[in-house]
Every structure is written in C-alpha cells, then in structure tokens.
Protein backbone atom coordinates (compact mmCIF):
# COMPACT_ATOMS: atom_id res chain seq x y z
CA UNK A 1 202.19 165.97 106.20
CA UNK A 2 202.76 162.54 104.67
CA UNK A 3 203.01 160.63 107.96
CA UNK A 4 202.42 161.65 111.52
CA UNK A 5 199.65 162.97 113.71
CA UNK A 6 197.86 166.30 113.96
CA UNK A 7 195.22 166.87 116.63
CA UNK A 8 192.82 169.80 116.51
CA UNK A 9 190.39 170.91 119.21
CA UNK A 10 186.73 171.32 118.30
CA UNK A 11 187.30 175.01 117.56
CA UNK A 12 190.03 174.12 115.00
CA UNK A 13 192.95 175.06 117.27
CA UNK A 14 196.03 172.93 116.72
CA UNK A 15 196.83 170.83 119.82
CA UNK A 16 199.58 168.46 118.63
CA UNK A 17 201.58 168.30 115.39
CA UNK A 18 204.24 165.60 115.08
CA UNK A 19 205.84 167.54 112.20
CA UNK A 20 206.79 170.35 114.56
CA UNK A 21 209.19 169.38 117.35
CA UNK A 22 208.46 172.71 119.05
CA UNK A 23 204.70 172.13 118.96
CA UNK A 24 203.91 170.90 122.44
CA UNK A 25 201.67 171.96 125.26
CA UNK A 26 202.18 172.20 128.99
CA UNK A 27 201.89 169.21 131.29
CA UNK A 28 200.99 169.45 134.97
CA UNK A 29 203.75 167.79 136.99
CA UNK A 30 202.37 168.73 140.43
CA UNK A 31 198.96 169.84 141.66
CA UNK A 32 198.40 170.16 145.38
CA UNK A 33 199.15 172.21 148.46
CA UNK A 34 202.67 173.19 149.52
CA UNK A 35 204.69 175.91 151.22
CA UNK A 36 207.93 175.07 149.39
CA UNK A 37 208.42 173.44 145.99
CA UNK A 38 211.62 172.18 144.37
CA UNK A 39 212.03 172.06 140.58
CA UNK A 40 214.06 173.47 137.70
CA UNK A 41 212.71 176.97 137.18
CA UNK A 42 214.22 177.21 133.70
CA UNK A 43 211.39 175.24 132.17
CA UNK A 44 208.73 175.22 134.91
CA UNK A 45 205.82 177.59 135.46
CA UNK A 46 204.53 177.91 139.03
CA UNK A 47 200.86 178.76 139.49
CA UNK A 48 199.39 179.54 142.93
CA UNK A 49 196.09 180.33 144.59
CA UNK A 50 194.95 180.84 148.19
CA UNK A 51 191.89 179.14 149.66
CA UNK A 52 191.20 182.22 151.79
CA UNK A 53 191.86 185.94 151.57
CA UNK A 54 195.47 187.05 151.96
CA UNK A 55 198.83 187.64 150.31
CA UNK A 56 201.20 185.34 148.43
CA UNK A 57 204.83 186.34 147.94
CA UNK A 58 207.18 183.78 146.30
CA UNK A 59 210.82 183.68 147.43
CA UNK A 60 213.03 181.93 144.87
CA UNK A 61 216.30 180.41 146.08
CA UNK A 62 219.53 181.69 144.51
CA UNK A 63 219.85 178.66 142.22
CA UNK A 64 216.23 179.03 141.03
CA UNK A 65 215.51 175.42 141.96
CA UNK A 66 212.89 176.05 144.65
CA UNK A 67 210.31 178.56 145.80
CA UNK A 68 208.84 179.22 149.25
CA UNK A 69 205.57 181.10 149.72
CA UNK A 70 205.09 183.87 152.31
CA UNK A 71 202.24 186.07 153.51
CA UNK A 72 202.45 189.82 154.14
CA UNK A 73 203.79 189.23 157.69
CA UNK A 74 206.67 187.08 156.32
CA UNK A 75 205.14 183.82 157.60
CA UNK A 76 205.66 180.73 155.44
CA UNK A 77 202.24 179.64 154.19
CA UNK A 78 200.68 176.71 152.34
CA UNK A 79 199.13 177.60 149.00
CA UNK A 80 197.37 175.66 146.28
CA UNK A 81 199.96 175.06 143.54
CA UNK A 82 200.25 173.80 140.02
CA UNK A 83 203.63 173.16 138.38
CA UNK A 84 203.62 173.03 134.58
CA UNK A 85 206.42 171.99 132.22
CA UNK A 86 206.61 171.85 128.43
CA UNK A 87 205.17 168.54 127.21
CA UNK A 88 208.42 167.54 125.55
CA UNK A 89 210.27 167.84 128.86
CA UNK A 90 208.32 165.24 130.81
CA UNK A 91 208.92 162.04 128.87
CA UNK A 92 211.10 160.83 131.72
CA UNK A 93 208.40 161.71 134.27
CA UNK A 94 206.11 158.80 133.44
CA UNK A 95 206.71 156.87 136.68
CA UNK A 96 205.64 153.24 136.49
CA UNK A 97 202.95 153.89 133.87
CA UNK A 98 203.63 151.68 130.86
CA UNK A 99 200.50 152.24 128.76
CA UNK A 100 199.53 155.41 126.96
CA UNK A 101 200.06 157.44 123.84
CA UNK A 102 203.49 158.81 122.96
CA UNK A 103 203.93 161.03 119.91
CA UNK A 104 207.36 161.66 118.49
CA UNK A 105 208.28 164.50 116.15
CA UNK A 106 209.15 163.60 112.58
CA UNK A 107 212.82 163.38 113.60
CA UNK A 108 211.87 160.19 115.47
CA UNK A 109 213.43 161.17 118.80
CA UNK A 110 211.81 164.35 120.15
CA UNK A 111 208.76 163.60 122.31
CA UNK A 112 205.94 165.97 121.38
CA UNK A 113 203.34 164.38 123.67
CA UNK A 114 203.27 161.55 126.21
CA UNK A 115 199.93 160.80 127.89
CA UNK A 116 201.71 158.87 130.65
CA UNK A 117 203.03 162.17 132.02
CA UNK A 118 199.50 163.33 132.91
CA UNK A 119 199.32 161.99 136.45
CA UNK A 120 197.98 165.14 138.12
CA UNK A 121 195.06 167.47 137.62
CA UNK A 122 195.23 169.46 134.43
CA UNK A 123 195.01 173.17 133.99
CA UNK A 124 194.03 175.56 131.26
CA UNK A 125 195.42 179.06 130.73
CA UNK A 126 192.39 181.31 130.43
CA UNK A 127 193.86 184.79 130.29
CA UNK A 128 197.18 186.56 129.76
CA UNK A 129 197.64 190.09 131.03
CA UNK A 130 200.22 191.71 128.81
CA UNK A 131 203.19 193.56 130.24
CA UNK A 132 202.13 196.98 131.46
CA UNK A 133 198.43 196.16 131.89
CA UNK A 134 198.65 196.40 135.70
CA UNK A 135 198.64 200.02 136.79
CA UNK A 136 198.50 202.00 140.02
CA UNK A 137 194.77 202.53 139.48
CA UNK A 138 193.93 198.98 138.32
CA UNK A 139 195.86 196.10 139.91
CA UNK A 140 193.12 193.47 139.40
CA UNK A 141 194.43 190.29 137.77
CA UNK A 142 191.18 188.28 137.86
CA UNK A 143 187.79 188.26 139.56
CA UNK A 144 187.76 184.45 139.57
CA UNK A 145 188.72 183.53 143.13
CA UNK A 146 189.42 179.91 142.14
CA UNK A 147 191.83 180.96 139.38
CA UNK A 148 195.57 180.31 139.64
CA UNK A 149 198.11 183.05 138.88
CA UNK A 150 201.55 182.32 137.44
CA UNK A 151 204.00 183.33 140.17
CA UNK A 152 207.15 183.43 138.01
CA UNK A 153 207.01 187.24 137.53
CA UNK A 154 206.67 187.84 141.30
CA UNK A 155 209.29 187.85 144.07
CA UNK A 156 210.21 188.31 147.72
CA UNK A 157 213.79 189.33 148.55
CA UNK A 158 214.01 190.63 152.12
CA UNK A 159 211.53 193.49 152.45
CA UNK A 160 211.43 194.01 148.68
CA UNK A 161 208.46 192.03 147.40
CA UNK A 162 205.86 191.85 144.70
CA UNK A 163 203.09 189.30 144.78
CA UNK A 164 199.37 188.81 144.70
CA UNK A 165 196.57 189.36 147.19
CA UNK A 166 193.21 187.61 147.27
CA UNK A 167 190.26 189.61 148.57
CA UNK A 168 186.58 188.71 148.75
CA UNK A 169 186.07 190.03 145.19
CA UNK A 170 189.28 189.52 143.18
CA UNK A 171 192.95 188.55 142.97
CA UNK A 172 195.20 191.57 142.48
CA UNK A 173 198.86 192.43 142.14
CA UNK A 174 200.42 194.05 145.21
CA UNK A 175 202.35 196.51 143.07
CA UNK A 176 201.91 198.28 139.76
CA UNK A 177 205.40 198.22 138.28
CA UNK A 178 205.06 194.93 136.37
CA UNK A 179 205.41 196.59 133.00
CA UNK A 180 208.13 194.13 131.98
CA UNK A 181 206.21 190.82 132.50
CA UNK A 182 203.08 189.13 131.16
CA UNK A 183 200.89 187.48 133.82
CA UNK A 184 199.20 184.16 133.03
CA UNK A 185 195.90 183.24 134.71
CA UNK A 186 194.77 179.61 134.65
CA UNK A 187 192.10 177.34 136.05
CA UNK A 188 192.53 173.85 137.44
CA UNK A 189 190.80 171.02 135.59
CA UNK A 190 190.04 167.89 137.60
C-alpha cells in the first residue's frame, strides 16, 4: 500500500482498507420501532427483536421492497428493528451532513466508508449460526433477550411461516428446517 488508509481494530482485525473496493462494513440506516419497513432487500439486512415475549413472522412483499411483521395470531405488530446496508451503498444517504470522513477505494470513485452515513444507532454482529445448526431438538438462537436476529431467512406466506419466538429465557426459531440459511445475531450499540 503506497497511498491510502488501512484501519485495524485493537485486536488487529482489518476494519477499512482503501486498496480493496470490496472491503466495507455494514452501516445502520434505520434503528427504531416499526410494523412495516420499506427498502431494497437486495442489499439490506433486517434485524428484529421484541420488547416482550412473543412471535415475530416477517412477510415480504412480492417485489422484496418491504416487510411487515406479524405475531402468531396474524396480527401486525411493532418490533424493534435495525436495517443495515453495505457501507459502500450509503454514500448517497448522508442527508444534510456535510462534515465527516469519506474514504474512497484506490480507483478514486468507490466509497469504502463515509462517516456521514452513521446517523442511527450502530450494531455489531456477535454470532452466526451456520446453516443446519437449528434442529428439532435445539431451536435456540440466542439466550440474550436484547439481541437482534436477522429476519432475512424467515418468512410468512399465508399460513406457511417460519420466524422467531422470544420467551423469558431465549430467542428461538419456530421451525427446525433452516438447514439452507445462516442466521446472524447482533446487538445494538447506542
């Protein structure tokens, strides 16, 4: 690296590298409470959490540009949500903020990082359950009741649904046939 910027965390994990246009993290574009969210699902991860015990089933619209959250009785519910996009996809999402740090890749045009896009609470992935790790005998995703679970692998289409349920001791999957998806668990950073 002759010119550019590399940022490492204290434990020597690479955070940003301007030599690698594909080296970018996730940026929180929404953190709050909602029953329906609109976005482009192609490059957005949706994380959700309930403040009380109960089910969350996400219903994605046919264009994959919004999601609505339901409980086990098919009532629309408000949930705590975090939307995360790749850091290079939010350079236009800086609002009226004019000051900050923007890092371009060595090609001079690809935005690797833009601090102005961080207008919401952050989040940190803390665990990834690999495909097939949820089974009929162990559906627990996390015992951290304040953790957020990525909802992208879950669904509700009519009576066919797969989601998560929060109990007094854990957050679990409502089904065991998730052998084709990884499940990301994250925590909100404020």
